[in-house]
Amino acid sequence: MKVHHTFRSIEREKLEIIASLLQQAGYRITRITPRQGELAFKATRDGVHSGEDEQARVGQLVEHFNIESWSVTFT
């Protein structure tokens, strides 16, 4: 299964930290770009076995860094 995360925040530093951590964990990261008054980037990874585990793991980062908007889809 493949996972796609989208992160949005007004704080570039938070997004840069999360992008770096996810990249080190094997995710493909897009550039941080402005979107609708916020900054955003996408992280993608193949080979996800459990959607619940994936959401819990990344959700901890979102909560810790107080990210304003996060969405996840599985394909």
PDB file of N, CA and C in Angstrom:
ATOM      1  N   MET A   1       0.851  -1.168   0.000  1.00  0.00           N
ATOM      2  CA  MET A   1       0.000   0.000   0.000  1.00  0.00           C
ATOM      3  C   MET A   1       0.905   1.241   0.000  1.00  0.00           C
ATOM      4  N   LYS A   2       0.440   2.283  -0.649  1.00  0.00           N
ATOM      5  CA  LYS A   2       1.178   3.545  -0.738  1.00  0.00           C
ATOM      6  C   LYS A   2       0.442   4.600   0.084  1.00  0.00           C
ATOM      7  N   VAL A   3       1.205   5.441   0.787  1.00  0.00           N
ATOM      8  CA  VAL A   3       0.607   6.488   1.608  1.00  0.00           C
ATOM      9  C   VAL A   3       1.053   7.854   1.096  1.00  0.00           C
ATOM     10  N   HIS A   4       0.117   8.806   1.146  1.00  0.00           N
ATOM     11  CA  HIS A   4       0.369  10.194   0.753  1.00  0.00           C
ATOM     12  C   HIS A   4      -0.070  11.091   1.913  1.00  0.00           C
ATOM     13  N   HIS A   5       0.857  11.848   2.456  1.00  0.00           N
ATOM     14  CA  HIS A   5       0.554  12.806   3.521  1.00  0.00           C
ATOM     15  C   HIS A   5       0.692  14.212   2.952  1.00  0.00           C
ATOM     16  N   THR A   6      -0.183  15.111   3.364  1.00  0.00           N
ATOM     17  CA  THR A   6      -0.060  16.530   3.031  1.00  0.00           C
ATOM     18  C   THR A   6      -0.052  17.308   4.340  1.00  0.00           C
ATOM     19  N   PHE A   7       0.936  18.168   4.495  1.00  0.00           N
ATOM     20  CA  PHE A   7       1.096  18.976   5.703  1.00  0.00           C
ATOM     21  C   PHE A   7       0.994  20.445   5.325  1.00  0.00           C
ATOM     22  N   ARG A   8       0.270  21.219   6.156  1.00  0.00           N
ATOM     23  CA  ARG A   8       0.134  22.661   5.918  1.00  0.00           C
ATOM     24  C   ARG A   8       0.359  23.409   7.231  1.00  0.00           C
ATOM     25  N   SER A   9       1.078  24.513   7.138  1.00  0.00           N
ATOM     26  CA  SER A   9       1.341  25.344   8.307  1.00  0.00           C
ATOM     27  C   SER A   9       1.758  26.729   7.829  1.00  0.00           C
ATOM     28  N   ILE A  10       1.626  27.706   8.695  1.00  0.00           N
ATOM     29  CA  ILE A  10       2.128  29.041   8.379  1.00  0.00           C
ATOM     30  C   ILE A  10       3.591  29.166   8.793  1.00  0.00           C
ATOM     31  N   GLU A  11       4.108  28.159   9.514  1.00  0.00           N
ATOM     32  CA  GLU A  11       5.483  28.200  10.016  1.00  0.00           C
ATOM     33  C   GLU A  11       6.390  27.267   9.217  1.00  0.00           C
ATOM     34  N   ARG A  12       7.235  27.848   8.403  1.00  0.00           N
ATOM     35  CA  ARG A  12       8.145  27.078   7.539  1.00  0.00           C
ATOM     36  C   ARG A  12       9.064  26.166   8.360  1.00  0.00           C
ATOM     37  N   GLU A  13       9.565  26.654   9.484  1.00  0.00           N
ATOM     38  CA  GLU A  13      10.517  25.876  10.276  1.00  0.00           C
ATOM     39  C   GLU A  13       9.928  24.537  10.710  1.00  0.00           C
ATOM     40  N   LYS A  14       8.672  24.541  11.134  1.00  0.00           N
ATOM     41  CA  LYS A  14       8.020  23.297  11.544  1.00  0.00           C
ATOM     42  C   LYS A  14       7.947  22.319  10.378  1.00  0.00           C
ATOM     43  N   LEU A  15       7.562  22.817   9.223  1.00  0.00           N
ATOM     44  CA  LEU A  15       7.460  21.949   8.048  1.00  0.00           C
ATOM     45  C   LEU A  15       8.826  21.413   7.642  1.00  0.00           C
ATOM     46  N   GLU A  16       9.856  22.244   7.734  1.00  0.00           N
ATOM     47  CA  GLU A  16      11.200  21.789   7.374  1.00  0.00           C
ATOM     48  C   GLU A  16      11.673  20.670   8.293  1.00  0.00           C
ATOM     49  N   ILE A  17      11.387  20.788   9.573  1.00  0.00           N
ATOM     50  CA  ILE A  17      11.785  19.746  10.527  1.00  0.00           C
ATOM     51  C   ILE A  17      11.058  18.445  10.229  1.00  0.00           C
ATOM     52  N   ILE A  18       9.748  18.510  10.043  1.00  0.00           N
ATOM     53  CA  ILE A  18       8.978  17.296   9.759  1.00  0.00           C
ATOM     54  C   ILE A  18       9.414  16.679   8.435  1.00  0.00           C
ATOM     55  N   ALA A  19       9.622  17.497   7.416  1.00  0.00           N
ATOM     56  CA  ALA A  19      10.068  16.980   6.122  1.00  0.00           C
ATOM     57  C   ALA A  19      11.405  16.262   6.260  1.00  0.00           C
ATOM     58  N   SER A  20      12.306  16.823   7.029  1.00  0.00           N
ATOM     59  CA  SER A  20      13.617  16.213   7.235  1.00  0.00           C
ATOM     60  C   SER A  20      13.496  14.873   7.962  1.00  0.00           C
ATOM     61  N   LEU A  21      12.691  14.832   9.001  1.00  0.00           N
ATOM     62  CA  LEU A  21      12.499  13.583   9.748  1.00  0.00           C
ATOM     63  C   LEU A  21      11.880  12.502   8.871  1.00  0.00           C
ATOM     64  N   LEU A  22      10.877  12.867   8.096  1.00  0.00           N
ATOM     65  CA  LEU A  22      10.228  11.885   7.229  1.00  0.00           C
ATOM     66  C   LEU A  22      11.163  11.423   6.113  1.00  0.00           C
ATOM     67  N   GLN A  23      11.952  12.329   5.581  1.00  0.00           N
ATOM     68  CA  GLN A  23      12.901  11.954   4.532  1.00  0.00           C
ATOM     69  C   GLN A  23      13.921  10.950   5.077  1.00  0.00           C
ATOM     70  N   GLN A  24      14.391  11.168   6.288  1.00  0.00           N
ATOM     71  CA  GLN A  24      15.325  10.236   6.916  1.00  0.00           C
ATOM     72  C   GLN A  24      14.687   8.868   7.133  1.00  0.00           C
ATOM     73  N   ALA A  25      13.355   8.842   7.270  1.00  0.00           N
ATOM     74  CA  ALA A  25      12.627   7.590   7.481  1.00  0.00           C
ATOM     75  C   ALA A  25      12.223   6.921   6.169  1.00  0.00           C
ATOM     76  N   GLY A  26      12.649   7.487   5.028  1.00  0.00           N
ATOM     77  CA  GLY A  26      12.406   6.841   3.745  1.00  0.00           C
ATOM     78  C   GLY A  26      11.255   7.378   2.920  1.00  0.00           C
ATOM     79  N   TYR A  27      10.681   8.503   3.307  1.00  0.00           N
ATOM     80  CA  TYR A  27       9.599   9.119   2.538  1.00  0.00           C
ATOM     81  C   TYR A  27      10.180   9.977   1.423  1.00  0.00           C
ATOM     82  N   ARG A  28       9.443  10.091   0.324  1.00  0.00           N
ATOM     83  CA  ARG A  28       9.775  11.052  -0.733  1.00  0.00           C
ATOM     84  C   ARG A  28       9.062  12.360  -0.379  1.00  0.00           C
ATOM     85  N   ILE A  29       9.789  13.450  -0.429  1.00  0.00           N
ATOM     86  CA  ILE A  29       9.279  14.743   0.023  1.00  0.00           C
ATOM     87  C   ILE A  29       9.249  15.723  -1.145  1.00  0.00           C
ATOM     88  N   THR A  30       8.147  16.472  -1.266  1.00  0.00           N
ATOM     89  CA  THR A  30       8.083  17.541  -2.261  1.00  0.00           C
ATOM     90  C   THR A  30       8.645  18.821  -1.643  1.00  0.00           C
ATOM     91  N   ARG A  31       8.842  19.815  -2.477  1.00  0.00           N
ATOM     92  CA  ARG A  31       9.280  21.119  -1.976  1.00  0.00           C
ATOM     93  C   ARG A  31       8.166  21.751  -1.150  1.00  0.00           C
ATOM     94  N   ILE A  32       8.567  22.579  -0.210  1.00  0.00           N
ATOM     95  CA  ILE A  32       7.598  23.351   0.564  1.00  0.00           C
ATOM     96  C   ILE A  32       7.185  24.535  -0.301  1.00  0.00           C
ATOM     97  N   THR A  33       5.884  24.635  -0.573  1.00  0.00           N
ATOM     98  CA  THR A  33       5.376  25.679  -1.461  1.00  0.00           C
ATOM     99  C   THR A  33       4.204  26.411  -0.814  1.00  0.00           C
ATOM    100  N   PRO A  34       3.987  27.678  -1.201  1.00  0.00           N
ATOM    101  CA  PRO A  34       2.829  28.409  -0.683  1.00  0.00           C
ATOM    102  C   PRO A  34       1.537  27.903  -1.319  1.00  0.00           C
ATOM    103  N   ARG A  35       0.502  27.727  -0.488  1.00  0.00           N
ATOM    104  CA  ARG A  35      -0.822  27.303  -0.964  1.00  0.00           C
ATOM    105  C   ARG A  35      -1.891  27.941  -0.088  1.00  0.00           C
ATOM    106  N   GLN A  36      -2.707  28.741  -0.673  1.00  0.00           N
ATOM    107  CA  GLN A  36      -3.863  29.342   0.003  1.00  0.00           C
ATOM    108  C   GLN A  36      -3.488  29.994   1.331  1.00  0.00           C
ATOM    109  N   GLY A  37      -2.451  30.816   1.322  1.00  0.00           N
ATOM    110  CA  GLY A  37      -2.053  31.545   2.519  1.00  0.00           C
ATOM    111  C   GLY A  37      -1.226  30.748   3.507  1.00  0.00           C
ATOM    112  N   GLU A  38      -0.964  29.492   3.212  1.00  0.00           N
ATOM    113  CA  GLU A  38      -0.142  28.651   4.071  1.00  0.00           C
ATOM    114  C   GLU A  38       0.995  28.066   3.238  1.00  0.00           C
ATOM    115  N   LEU A  39       1.897  27.409   3.912  1.00  0.00           N
ATOM    116  CA  LEU A  39       2.946  26.645   3.242  1.00  0.00           C
ATOM    117  C   LEU A  39       2.564  25.176   3.324  1.00  0.00           C
ATOM    118  N   ALA A  40       2.953  24.389   2.328  1.00  0.00           N
ATOM    119  CA  ALA A  40       2.568  22.977   2.313  1.00  0.00           C
ATOM    120  C   ALA A  40       3.644  22.131   1.650  1.00  0.00           C
ATOM    121  N   PHE A  41       3.669  20.852   2.031  1.00  0.00           N
ATOM    122  CA  PHE A  41       4.481  19.871   1.321  1.00  0.00           C
ATOM    123  C   PHE A  41       3.794  18.521   1.418  1.00  0.00           C
ATOM    124  N   LYS A  42       4.203  17.607   0.532  1.00  0.00           N
ATOM    125  CA  LYS A  42       3.655  16.255   0.520  1.00  0.00           C
ATOM    126  C   LYS A  42       4.770  15.258   0.787  1.00  0.00           C
ATOM    127  N   ALA A  43       4.415  14.191   1.484  1.00  0.00           N
ATOM    128  CA  ALA A  43       5.340  13.094   1.767  1.00  0.00           C
ATOM    129  C   ALA A  43       4.674  11.800   1.313  1.00  0.00           C
ATOM    130  N   THR A  44       5.420  10.968   0.591  1.00  0.00           N
ATOM    131  CA  THR A  44       4.877   9.731   0.030  1.00  0.00           C
ATOM    132  C   THR A  44       5.806   8.573   0.369  1.00  0.00           C
ATOM    133  N   ARG A  45       5.203   7.414   0.643  1.00  0.00           N
ATOM    134  CA  ARG A  45       6.007   6.223   0.916  1.00  0.00           C
ATOM    135  C   ARG A  45       5.275   4.985   0.430  1.00  0.00           C
ATOM    136  N   ASP A  46       6.002   4.078  -0.191  1.00  0.00           N
ATOM    137  CA  ASP A  46       5.468   2.781  -0.618  1.00  0.00           C
ATOM    138  C   ASP A  46       5.698   1.753   0.489  1.00  0.00           C
ATOM    139  N   GLY A  47       4.966   0.664   0.406  1.00  0.00           N
ATOM    140  CA  GLY A  47       5.210  -0.461   1.300  1.00  0.00           C
ATOM    141  C   GLY A  47       4.647  -0.315   2.695  1.00  0.00           C
ATOM    142  N   VAL A  48       3.614   0.475   2.859  1.00  0.00           N
ATOM    143  CA  VAL A  48       2.975   0.630   4.165  1.00  0.00           C
ATOM    144  C   VAL A  48       2.072  -0.575   4.395  1.00  0.00           C
ATOM    145  N   HIS A  49       2.222  -1.220   5.546  1.00  0.00           N
ATOM    146  CA  HIS A  49       1.452  -2.431   5.822  1.00  0.00           C
ATOM    147  C   HIS A  49       0.192  -2.166   6.644  1.00  0.00           C
ATOM    148  N   SER A  50       0.227  -1.143   7.486  1.00  0.00           N
ATOM    149  CA  SER A  50      -0.917  -0.858   8.347  1.00  0.00           C
ATOM    150  C   SER A  50      -1.238   0.631   8.313  1.00  0.00           C
ATOM    151  N   GLY A  51      -2.427   0.956   7.825  1.00  0.00           N
ATOM    152  CA  GLY A  51      -2.853   2.347   7.792  1.00  0.00           C
ATOM    153  C   GLY A  51      -2.968   2.944   9.176  1.00  0.00           C
ATOM    154  N   GLU A  52      -3.455   2.155  10.128  1.00  0.00           N
ATOM    155  CA  GLU A  52      -3.603   2.649  11.500  1.00  0.00           C
ATOM    156  C   GLU A  52      -2.249   2.982  12.118  1.00  0.00           C
ATOM    157  N   ASP A  53      -1.270   2.092  11.929  1.00  0.00           N
ATOM    158  CA  ASP A  53       0.066   2.352  12.472  1.00  0.00           C
ATOM    159  C   ASP A  53       0.688   3.584  11.826  1.00  0.00           C
ATOM    160  N   GLU A  54       0.502   3.709  10.522  1.00  0.00           N
ATOM    161  CA  GLU A  54       1.051   4.854   9.792  1.00  0.00           C
ATOM    162  C   GLU A  54       0.448   6.157  10.306  1.00  0.00           C
ATOM    163  N   GLN A  55      -0.866   6.189  10.465  1.00  0.00           N
ATOM    164  CA  GLN A  55      -1.525   7.402  10.955  1.00  0.00           C
ATOM    165  C   GLN A  55      -1.089   7.721  12.377  1.00  0.00           C
ATOM    166  N   ALA A  56      -0.941   6.711  13.212  1.00  0.00           N
ATOM    167  CA  ALA A  56      -0.522   6.942  14.593  1.00  0.00           C
ATOM    168  C   ALA A  56       0.900   7.494  14.647  1.00  0.00           C
ATOM    169  N   ARG A  57       1.796   6.911  13.862  1.00  0.00           N
ATOM    170  CA  ARG A  57       3.207   7.324  13.866  1.00  0.00           C
ATOM    171  C   ARG A  57       3.349   8.771  13.390  1.00  0.00           C
ATOM    172  N   VAL A  58       2.760   9.090  12.257  1.00  0.00           N
ATOM    173  CA  VAL A  58       2.884  10.446  11.715  1.00  0.00           C
ATOM    174  C   VAL A  58       2.037  11.421  12.531  1.00  0.00           C
ATOM    175  N   GLY A  59       0.922  10.950  13.045  1.00  0.00           N
ATOM    176  CA  GLY A  59       0.074  11.787  13.884  1.00  0.00           C
ATOM    177  C   GLY A  59       0.799  12.312  15.115  1.00  0.00           C
ATOM    178  N   GLN A  60       1.735  11.521  15.637  1.00  0.00           N
ATOM    179  CA  GLN A  60       2.524  11.979  16.781  1.00  0.00           C
ATOM    180  C   GLN A  60       3.384  13.185  16.408  1.00  0.00           C
ATOM    181  N   LEU A  61       3.949  13.167  15.209  1.00  0.00           N
ATOM    182  CA  LEU A  61       4.722  14.330  14.746  1.00  0.00           C
ATOM    183  C   LEU A  61       3.828  15.552  14.582  1.00  0.00           C
ATOM    184  N   VAL A  62       2.669  15.339  13.979  1.00  0.00           N
ATOM    185  CA  VAL A  62       1.722  16.436  13.752  1.00  0.00           C
ATOM    186  C   VAL A  62       1.320  17.067  15.082  1.00  0.00           C
ATOM    187  N   GLU A  63       1.031  16.218  16.060  1.00  0.00           N
ATOM    188  CA  GLU A  63       0.628  16.718  17.376  1.00  0.00           C
ATOM    189  C   GLU A  63       1.788  17.431  18.073  1.00  0.00           C
ATOM    190  N   HIS A  64       2.960  16.828  18.040  1.00  0.00           N
ATOM    191  CA  HIS A  64       4.126  17.404  18.720  1.00  0.00           C
ATOM    192  C   HIS A  64       4.480  18.789  18.175  1.00  0.00           C
ATOM    193  N   PHE A  65       4.444  18.932  16.853  1.00  0.00           N
ATOM    194  CA  PHE A  65       4.810  20.203  16.231  1.00  0.00           C
ATOM    195  C   PHE A  65       3.609  21.124  16.022  1.00  0.00           C
ATOM    196  N   ASN A  66       2.436  20.697  16.465  1.00  0.00           N
ATOM    197  CA  ASN A  66       1.227  21.514  16.387  1.00  0.00           C
ATOM    198  C   ASN A  66       0.978  22.019  14.960  1.00  0.00           C
ATOM    199  N   ILE A  67       0.953  21.077  14.011  1.00  0.00           N
ATOM    200  CA  ILE A  67       0.718  21.399  12.606  1.00  0.00           C
ATOM    201  C   ILE A  67      -0.761  21.723  12.410  1.00  0.00           C
ATOM    202  N   GLU A  68      -1.037  22.813  11.717  1.00  0.00           N
ATOM    203  CA  GLU A  68      -2.410  23.285  11.561  1.00  0.00           C
ATOM    204  C   GLU A  68      -3.284  22.353  10.724  1.00  0.00           C
ATOM    205  N   SER A  69      -2.711  21.750   9.685  1.00  0.00           N
ATOM    206  CA  SER A  69      -3.519  20.918   8.790  1.00  0.00           C
ATOM    207  C   SER A  69      -2.688  19.742   8.289  1.00  0.00           C
ATOM    208  N   TRP A  70      -3.291  18.545   8.355  1.00  0.00           N
ATOM    209  CA  TRP A  70      -2.624  17.331   7.899  1.00  0.00           C
ATOM    210  C   TRP A  70      -3.687  16.417   7.319  1.00  0.00           C
ATOM    211  N   SER A  71      -3.409  15.865   6.160  1.00  0.00           N
ATOM    212  CA  SER A  71      -4.321  14.878   5.580  1.00  0.00           C
ATOM    213  C   SER A  71      -3.504  13.686   5.109  1.00  0.00           C
ATOM    214  N   VAL A  72      -4.154  12.529   5.070  1.00  0.00           N
ATOM    215  CA  VAL A  72      -3.476  11.303   4.656  1.00  0.00           C
ATOM    216  C   VAL A  72      -4.422  10.489   3.785  1.00  0.00           C
ATOM    217  N   THR A  73      -3.885   9.917   2.705  1.00  0.00           N
ATOM    218  CA  THR A  73      -4.663   9.014   1.853  1.00  0.00           C
ATOM    219  C   THR A  73      -3.806   7.792   1.549  1.00  0.00           C
ATOM    220  N   PHE A  74      -4.482   6.672   1.332  1.00  0.00           N
ATOM    221  CA  PHE A  74      -3.814   5.413   1.019  1.00  0.00           C
ATOM    222  C   PHE A  74      -4.280   4.935  -0.351  1.00  0.00           C
ATOM    223  N   THR A  75      -3.337   4.430  -1.153  1.00  0.00           N
ATOM    224  CA  THR A  75      -3.689   3.890  -2.468  1.00  0.00           C
ATOM    225  C   THR A  75      -3.074   2.523  -2.643  1.00  0.00           C
TER     226      THR A  75
END
